[in-house]
Amino acid sequence: MKAQLPVTILTGFLGSGKTTLLKRILQEEHGLRIGVILNEFGEISIDGELVNMPEAGLMQLSNGCLCCTVRDDFEQAARELLKRTEELDYLLVETSGVADPRQVTELFVQRAFHEDLRLDGVVTLVDGSEYWHNFQHSQTAAHQISSADILLLNKVDLITDAERDQILLDVRRYNPDAPCLLTTHAQVPLARILDVHAFQPELWDPHLEAEENSHHLHPQGSAPLTQTDEHHHSHHLEEDGIQSVSFQLEQPLDLAEFRDWLQDLPDTIFRAKGVLSVIDEPQRVIFHQVGHRQTLFLEREWDPDELRLSKIVLIGKELQRERLAASLNQVCEATAAR
């Protein structure tokens, strides 16, 4: 009989470090031939450009959430990769930051191709610096923790020891059993998260609540989970009110003007990312913003035959596309006036 292809699901809320971990796995000298299914909530793929792996092993699902709106696309992508199982040793699935991993897990447990794929484990990254805020943004953050076979408390360098201990105590309310590893920049020995047989299908329950006592209020003002037995495949985004707005610009940007624009984004936008074409800069600039914390770095030089486009994705609630476009146009005008 043909051996099942092991699969690890990488999940975690927006900006928790999933793509950083994925890149680390792909860059390690482990000898594994890895296929990747990458899901992004925005209509423009940013993470797919950063992974830097051959297209033959990368399937990208954009403009939707893997657990609901692009669910059928995921099944098709998995089948396409299964046609090349002779060339693959492992499959990694990176969900969008707003995906409910309980519903993604169901695809492996109950669907026809589960004879070909073996779910090895669900690895959930938890952003230590944004932990309490994430529960205010979405109930999905709790489901991601409760569904984990392995937890990575990431960005511990950005929090105090006391904050870390409080988060670890709170995490155990949602998931008392999964091992929790402390990480910075998603650095973790791969032997701790890959091919570890962490997922136990006989214990899997799609209706398991992330919190047993719905009357127990979450610390620091975040909302408790609501009791439900439904699989709200297409409802969880509507309930959370999470949206995405994307922009593409041909005009190079002034970096200082753009950073000011990022810093002034409304609080209803809690994730921003993109690739920038910056004036007088031969290299692509990658930017990330989680809350009001910015990270910008140079990646590689633009290829001579590559169209220099700035690609910007914003994720949040109550997004006003026209107002955001107008403010971004002011950045372009300020750049042109230099």
Protein backbone atom coordinates (compact mmCIF):
# COMPACT_ATOMS: atom_id res chain seq x y z
CA MET A 1 0.00 0.00 0.00
CA LYS A 2 1.09 3.56 -0.73
CA ALA A 3 2.22 5.38 2.41
CA GLN A 4 0.14 8.34 3.54
CA LEU A 5 1.74 11.75 3.02
CA PRO A 6 2.16 13.48 6.41
CA VAL A 7 0.61 16.93 6.76
CA THR A 8 1.21 19.70 9.27
CA ILE A 9 -1.25 22.58 9.53
CA LEU A 10 0.31 25.91 10.52
CA THR A 11 -2.27 28.23 12.03
CA GLY A 12 -2.43 31.26 14.27
CA PHE A 13 -3.97 34.70 14.28
CA LEU A 14 -2.99 37.49 11.89
CA GLY A 15 0.67 38.44 12.25
CA SER A 16 1.57 35.65 14.66
CA GLY A 17 4.56 34.45 12.59
CA LYS A 18 3.17 31.62 10.42
CA THR A 19 4.98 32.62 7.22
CA THR A 20 8.22 33.21 9.14
CA LEU A 21 7.98 29.65 10.46
CA LEU A 22 7.12 28.31 7.01
CA LYS A 23 10.18 30.00 5.50
CA ARG A 24 12.38 28.59 8.27
CA ILE A 25 11.12 25.07 7.59
CA LEU A 26 11.73 25.39 3.85
CA GLN A 27 15.25 26.78 4.36
CA GLU A 28 16.38 24.07 6.79
CA GLU A 29 18.64 21.29 5.50
CA HIS A 30 16.33 18.44 6.45
CA GLY A 31 16.30 16.62 3.12
CA LEU A 32 12.51 16.58 2.91
CA ARG A 33 10.75 17.38 -0.35
CA ILE A 34 7.96 19.60 0.91
CA GLY A 35 4.79 20.73 -0.81
CA VAL A 36 2.95 23.82 0.45
CA ILE A 37 -0.66 24.97 0.34
CA LEU A 38 -0.70 28.65 1.30
CA ASN A 39 -3.96 30.44 2.08
CA GLU A 40 -4.17 34.24 2.29
CA PHE A 41 -7.25 36.17 3.26
CA GLY A 42 -6.48 39.16 1.01
CA GLU A 43 -7.13 39.18 -2.73
CA ILE A 44 -3.43 39.87 -3.38
CA SER A 45 -0.88 37.23 -2.39
CA ILE A 46 1.98 38.66 -0.34
CA ASP A 47 3.23 35.64 1.61
CA GLY A 48 3.41 33.56 -1.56
CA GLU A 49 6.01 35.94 -2.97
CA LEU A 50 8.10 35.70 0.20
CA VAL A 51 8.18 31.92 0.51
CA ASN A 52 10.56 31.64 -2.45
CA MET A 53 9.98 28.04 -3.50
CA PRO A 54 9.38 26.40 -6.90
CA GLU A 55 5.87 26.92 -8.24
CA ALA A 56 5.47 23.17 -8.81
CA GLY A 57 5.34 22.58 -5.04
CA LEU A 58 3.36 25.67 -4.04
CA MET A 59 -0.41 26.03 -4.29
CA GLN A 60 -1.74 29.49 -3.39
CA LEU A 61 -5.32 30.17 -2.30
CA SER A 62 -6.07 33.88 -2.05
CA ASN A 63 -9.06 36.14 -1.45
CA GLY A 64 -10.82 33.94 1.06
CA CYS A 65 -10.58 31.75 4.12
CA LEU A 66 -9.51 28.13 3.71
CA CYS A 67 -12.04 26.81 6.19
CA CYS A 68 -15.03 28.27 4.36
CA THR A 69 -14.95 30.51 1.28
CA VAL A 70 -12.07 28.75 -0.54
CA ARG A 71 -12.77 25.31 0.90
CA ASP A 72 -13.41 23.72 -2.51
CA ASP A 73 -10.25 25.33 -3.90
CA PHE A 74 -8.30 23.72 -1.09
CA GLU A 75 -9.58 20.26 -1.95
CA GLN A 76 -8.63 20.80 -5.58
CA ALA A 77 -5.16 22.04 -4.60
CA ALA A 78 -4.64 19.00 -2.35
CA ARG A 79 -5.63 16.67 -5.18
CA GLU A 80 -3.20 18.41 -7.55
CA LEU A 81 -0.35 17.90 -5.09
CA LEU A 82 -1.40 14.29 -4.54
CA LYS A 83 -0.75 13.68 -8.23
CA ARG A 84 2.90 14.36 -7.42
CA THR A 85 3.23 12.31 -4.25
CA GLU A 86 6.20 10.48 -5.77
CA GLU A 87 8.02 13.84 -5.64
CA LEU A 88 6.95 14.83 -2.12
CA ASP A 89 7.79 13.66 1.39
CA TYR A 90 5.71 16.14 3.37
CA LEU A 91 2.89 18.66 3.02
CA LEU A 92 2.58 21.95 4.90
CA VAL A 93 -0.69 23.88 4.99
CA GLU A 94 -0.52 27.49 6.15
CA THR A 95 -4.00 28.81 6.89
CA SER A 96 -5.02 32.43 6.77
CA GLY A 97 -4.85 34.25 10.09
CA VAL A 98 -8.63 34.18 10.42
CA ALA A 99 -9.18 30.49 9.60
CA ASP A 100 -10.84 28.19 12.10
CA PRO A 101 -8.54 25.12 12.20
CA ARG A 102 -11.35 22.87 13.44
CA GLN A 103 -12.93 23.11 10.01
CA VAL A 104 -9.60 22.68 8.22
CA THR A 105 -8.93 19.55 10.28
CA GLU A 106 -12.26 18.14 9.19
CA LEU A 107 -11.04 18.14 5.59
CA PHE A 108 -8.34 15.63 6.51
CA VAL A 109 -10.40 13.51 8.88
CA GLN A 110 -13.67 13.14 6.99
CA ARG A 111 -12.94 13.74 3.31
CA ALA A 112 -12.18 11.21 0.59
CA PHE A 113 -8.45 11.90 0.29
CA HIS A 114 -7.77 11.20 3.94
CA GLU A 115 -6.54 7.77 2.83
CA ASP A 116 -3.71 9.55 1.00
CA LEU A 117 -2.90 12.17 3.65
CA ARG A 118 -2.06 11.71 7.33
CA LEU A 119 -2.59 14.75 9.52
CA ASP A 120 0.52 14.84 11.68
CA GLY A 121 -0.51 17.80 13.77
CA VAL A 122 -1.94 21.30 14.06
CA VAL A 123 0.75 23.81 15.07
CA THR A 124 -0.68 27.09 16.37
CA LEU A 125 1.46 30.19 16.71
CA VAL A 126 0.40 32.59 19.43
CA ASP A 127 1.57 36.21 19.25
CA GLY A 128 2.69 37.03 22.77
CA SER A 129 2.82 40.78 22.11
CA GLU A 130 -0.77 40.92 20.77
CA TYR A 131 -2.31 38.10 22.80
CA TRP A 132 -4.99 40.06 24.64
CA HIS A 133 -5.83 42.26 21.65
CA ASN A 134 -6.40 39.26 19.39
CA PHE A 135 -9.21 37.99 21.58
CA GLN A 136 -10.92 41.35 21.20
CA HIS A 137 -10.62 41.14 17.40
CA SER A 138 -12.01 37.65 16.91
CA GLN A 139 -13.24 34.53 18.68
CA THR A 140 -11.26 32.53 16.11
CA ALA A 141 -8.09 33.27 18.09
CA ALA A 142 -9.40 31.04 20.89
CA HIS A 143 -10.43 28.27 18.48
CA GLN A 144 -6.93 28.29 16.99
CA ILE A 145 -5.44 27.73 20.44
CA SER A 146 -7.93 25.08 21.50
CA SER A 147 -7.40 23.13 18.25
CA ALA A 148 -3.61 22.95 18.55
CA ASP A 149 -1.66 19.76 18.98
CA ILE A 150 1.45 21.92 19.49
CA LEU A 151 1.51 25.55 20.61
CA LEU A 152 4.28 28.06 19.93
CA LEU A 153 4.15 31.17 22.10
CA ASN A 154 5.99 33.45 19.70
CA LYS A 155 7.59 36.90 20.11
CA VAL A 156 8.43 36.28 23.75
CA ASP A 157 11.26 38.78 23.31
CA LEU A 158 8.62 41.53 23.13
CA ILE A 159 6.99 40.74 26.50
CA THR A 160 8.11 40.60 30.12
CA ASP A 161 8.48 37.37 32.08
CA ALA A 162 5.39 38.28 34.08
CA GLU A 163 3.36 38.86 30.92
CA ARG A 164 4.60 35.57 29.51
CA ASP A 165 3.55 33.66 32.62
CA GLN A 166 0.10 35.26 32.59
CA ILE A 167 -0.39 34.33 28.92
CA LEU A 168 0.74 30.75 29.51
CA LEU A 169 -1.73 30.45 32.37
CA ASP A 170 -4.52 31.79 30.18
CA VAL A 171 -3.60 29.54 27.23
CA ARG A 172 -4.11 26.51 29.47
CA ARG A 173 -7.74 27.49 29.94
CA TYR A 174 -8.28 26.86 26.23
CA ASN A 175 -5.85 24.00 25.73
CA PRO A 176 -4.59 22.26 28.87
CA ASP A 177 -2.77 19.42 27.11
CA ALA A 178 -0.78 20.59 24.07
CA PRO A 179 2.94 21.23 24.64
CA CYS A 180 3.72 24.94 24.47
CA LEU A 181 7.14 26.02 23.22
CA LEU A 182 8.52 29.53 23.74
CA THR A 183 9.90 31.07 20.55
CA THR A 184 11.36 34.24 19.10
CA HIS A 185 11.04 34.85 15.35
CA ALA A 186 9.40 31.40 15.18
CA GLN A 187 12.71 29.64 15.86
CA VAL A 188 11.96 26.07 16.90
CA PRO A 189 13.73 22.72 16.34
CA LEU A 190 11.86 21.08 13.48
CA ALA A 191 12.03 17.73 15.25
CA ARG A 192 9.60 19.20 17.80
CA ILE A 193 6.88 20.03 15.26
CA LEU A 194 7.26 17.84 12.13
CA ASP A 195 6.50 14.12 11.82
CA VAL A 196 5.75 13.88 15.53
CA HIS A 197 2.35 12.08 15.21
CA ALA A 198 0.78 14.71 17.46
CA PHE A 199 -2.73 14.53 15.99
CA GLN A 200 -4.94 11.82 17.49
CA PRO A 201 -7.95 11.27 15.20
CA GLU A 202 -9.74 9.10 17.74
CA LEU A 203 -9.90 12.10 20.09
CA TRP A 204 -10.90 14.64 17.47
CA ASP A 205 -14.21 16.40 18.12
CA PRO A 206 -15.27 19.16 15.69
CA HIS A 207 -17.78 20.51 18.19
CA LEU A 208 -15.33 20.87 21.07
CA GLU A 209 -15.62 24.32 22.55
CA ALA A 210 -12.50 26.34 23.18
CA GLU A 211 -13.86 27.27 26.59
CA GLU A 212 -15.85 24.95 28.82
CA ASN A 213 -17.44 27.66 30.90
CA SER A 214 -19.03 30.30 28.69
CA HIS A 215 -19.85 32.43 31.73
CA HIS A 216 -16.19 32.87 32.65
CA LEU A 217 -15.19 36.30 31.41
CA HIS A 218 -11.84 36.58 29.73
CA PRO A 219 -9.23 38.69 31.53
CA GLN A 220 -8.49 42.24 30.40
CA GLY A 221 -11.87 42.76 28.79
CA SER A 222 -11.80 40.30 25.91
CA ALA A 223 -15.07 38.61 25.05
CA PRO A 224 -15.97 35.07 26.15
CA LEU A 225 -16.74 32.44 23.54
CA THR A 226 -20.35 31.79 22.68
CA GLN A 227 -21.74 28.29 22.96
CA THR A 228 -22.61 26.70 19.60
CA ASP A 229 -22.75 23.26 18.06
CA GLU A 230 -22.83 24.53 14.47
CA HIS A 231 -20.07 24.36 11.90
CA HIS A 232 -20.29 28.00 10.93
CA HIS A 233 -18.27 27.49 7.73
CA SER A 234 -19.25 30.77 6.14
CA HIS A 235 -20.47 32.59 9.22
CA HIS A 236 -17.43 33.10 11.40
CA LEU A 237 -16.06 35.93 9.24
CA GLU A 238 -19.45 37.60 9.13
CA GLU A 239 -19.81 37.31 12.90
CA ASP A 240 -16.35 38.77 13.48
CA GLY A 241 -16.86 41.42 10.77
CA ILE A 242 -13.33 40.89 9.44
CA GLN A 243 -12.61 42.33 6.00
CA SER A 244 -9.68 42.80 3.65
CA VAL A 245 -8.78 45.69 1.34
CA SER A 246 -5.93 45.53 -1.18
CA PHE A 247 -4.14 48.10 -3.33
CA GLN A 248 -1.63 47.94 -6.18
CA LEU A 249 0.38 51.05 -7.12
CA GLU A 250 2.71 51.55 -10.06
CA GLN A 251 4.18 54.82 -8.77
CA PRO A 252 7.20 54.38 -6.47
CA LEU A 253 6.57 55.58 -2.93
CA ASP A 254 8.48 57.77 -0.51
CA LEU A 255 9.28 55.46 2.39
CA ALA A 256 8.97 58.10 5.13
CA GLU A 257 5.58 59.23 3.82
CA PHE A 258 4.38 55.64 3.65
CA ARG A 259 5.54 54.84 7.18
CA ASP A 260 3.60 57.85 8.47
CA TRP A 261 0.55 56.60 6.56
CA LEU A 262 0.89 53.18 8.17
CA GLN A 263 1.23 54.67 11.63
CA ASP A 264 -1.91 56.74 11.13
CA LEU A 265 -4.13 53.83 10.07
CA PRO A 266 -7.30 53.53 12.16
CA ASP A 267 -7.34 51.09 15.07
CA THR A 268 -9.92 49.00 13.22
CA ILE A 269 -7.05 47.83 10.97
CA PHE A 270 -5.03 45.33 12.95
CA ARG A 271 -2.92 43.76 10.18
CA ALA A 272 -1.11 45.30 7.21
CA LYS A 273 1.49 43.74 4.94
CA GLY A 274 2.93 44.18 1.51
CA VAL A 275 5.74 44.66 -0.98
CA LEU A 276 6.82 48.22 -1.79
CA SER A 277 8.49 49.88 -4.72
CA VAL A 278 10.36 52.74 -3.04
CA ILE A 279 11.76 55.76 -4.84
CA ASP A 280 15.56 55.62 -5.35
CA GLU A 281 15.67 52.08 -3.90
CA PRO A 282 16.73 49.20 -6.23
CA GLN A 283 15.49 46.55 -3.78
CA ARG A 284 11.98 45.48 -2.86
CA VAL A 285 10.89 46.67 0.58
CA ILE A 286 8.77 44.26 2.61
CA PHE A 287 6.59 45.68 5.35
CA HIS A 288 4.49 44.22 8.12
CA GLN A 289 2.36 45.96 10.69
CA VAL A 290 0.58 44.26 13.59
CA GLY A 291 -1.32 46.78 15.66
CA HIS A 292 0.99 49.79 15.53
CA ARG A 293 4.25 47.83 15.50
CA GLN A 294 6.01 48.11 12.14
CA THR A 295 8.66 45.95 10.53
CA LEU A 296 10.25 46.97 7.22
CA PHE A 297 13.22 45.33 5.54
CA LEU A 298 14.96 45.07 2.17
CA GLU A 299 14.43 41.77 0.41
CA ARG A 300 15.99 41.46 -3.07
CA GLU A 301 16.62 43.64 -6.10
CA TRP A 302 13.80 44.04 -8.58
CA ASP A 303 14.31 41.87 -11.64
CA PRO A 304 14.94 43.89 -14.82
CA ASP A 305 11.83 42.46 -16.51
CA GLU A 306 9.70 42.63 -13.35
CA LEU A 307 6.87 45.16 -13.12
CA ARG A 308 7.65 47.33 -10.10
CA LEU A 309 4.38 47.34 -8.21
CA SER A 310 3.62 48.19 -4.62
CA LYS A 311 1.20 45.62 -3.24
CA ILE A 312 -0.60 46.48 -0.01
CA VAL A 313 -3.04 44.35 1.99
CA LEU A 314 -5.02 45.65 4.96
CA ILE A 315 -7.11 43.42 7.24
CA GLY A 316 -9.47 44.61 9.93
CA LYS A 317 -13.03 45.69 10.63
CA GLU A 318 -15.22 48.49 9.29
CA LEU A 319 -12.76 49.17 6.48
CA GLN A 320 -13.59 52.19 4.32
CA ARG A 321 -11.88 51.50 1.02
CA GLU A 322 -12.54 54.91 -0.54
CA ARG A 323 -11.16 56.80 2.45
CA LEU A 324 -8.10 54.55 2.61
CA ALA A 325 -7.52 54.96 -1.13
CA ALA A 326 -7.77 58.75 -0.79
CA SER A 327 -5.21 58.85 2.02
CA LEU A 328 -2.88 56.53 0.10
CA ASN A 329 -3.22 58.80 -2.92
CA GLN A 330 -1.94 61.65 -0.75
CA VAL A 331 1.22 59.58 -0.14
CA CYS A 332 1.62 59.26 -3.91
CA GLU A 333 1.11 63.00 -4.38
CA ALA A 334 3.66 63.80 -1.67
CA THR A 335 6.14 61.47 -3.38
CA ALA A 336 5.55 63.10 -6.76
CA ALA A 337 6.09 66.55 -5.23
CA ARG A 338 9.59 65.69 -4.05
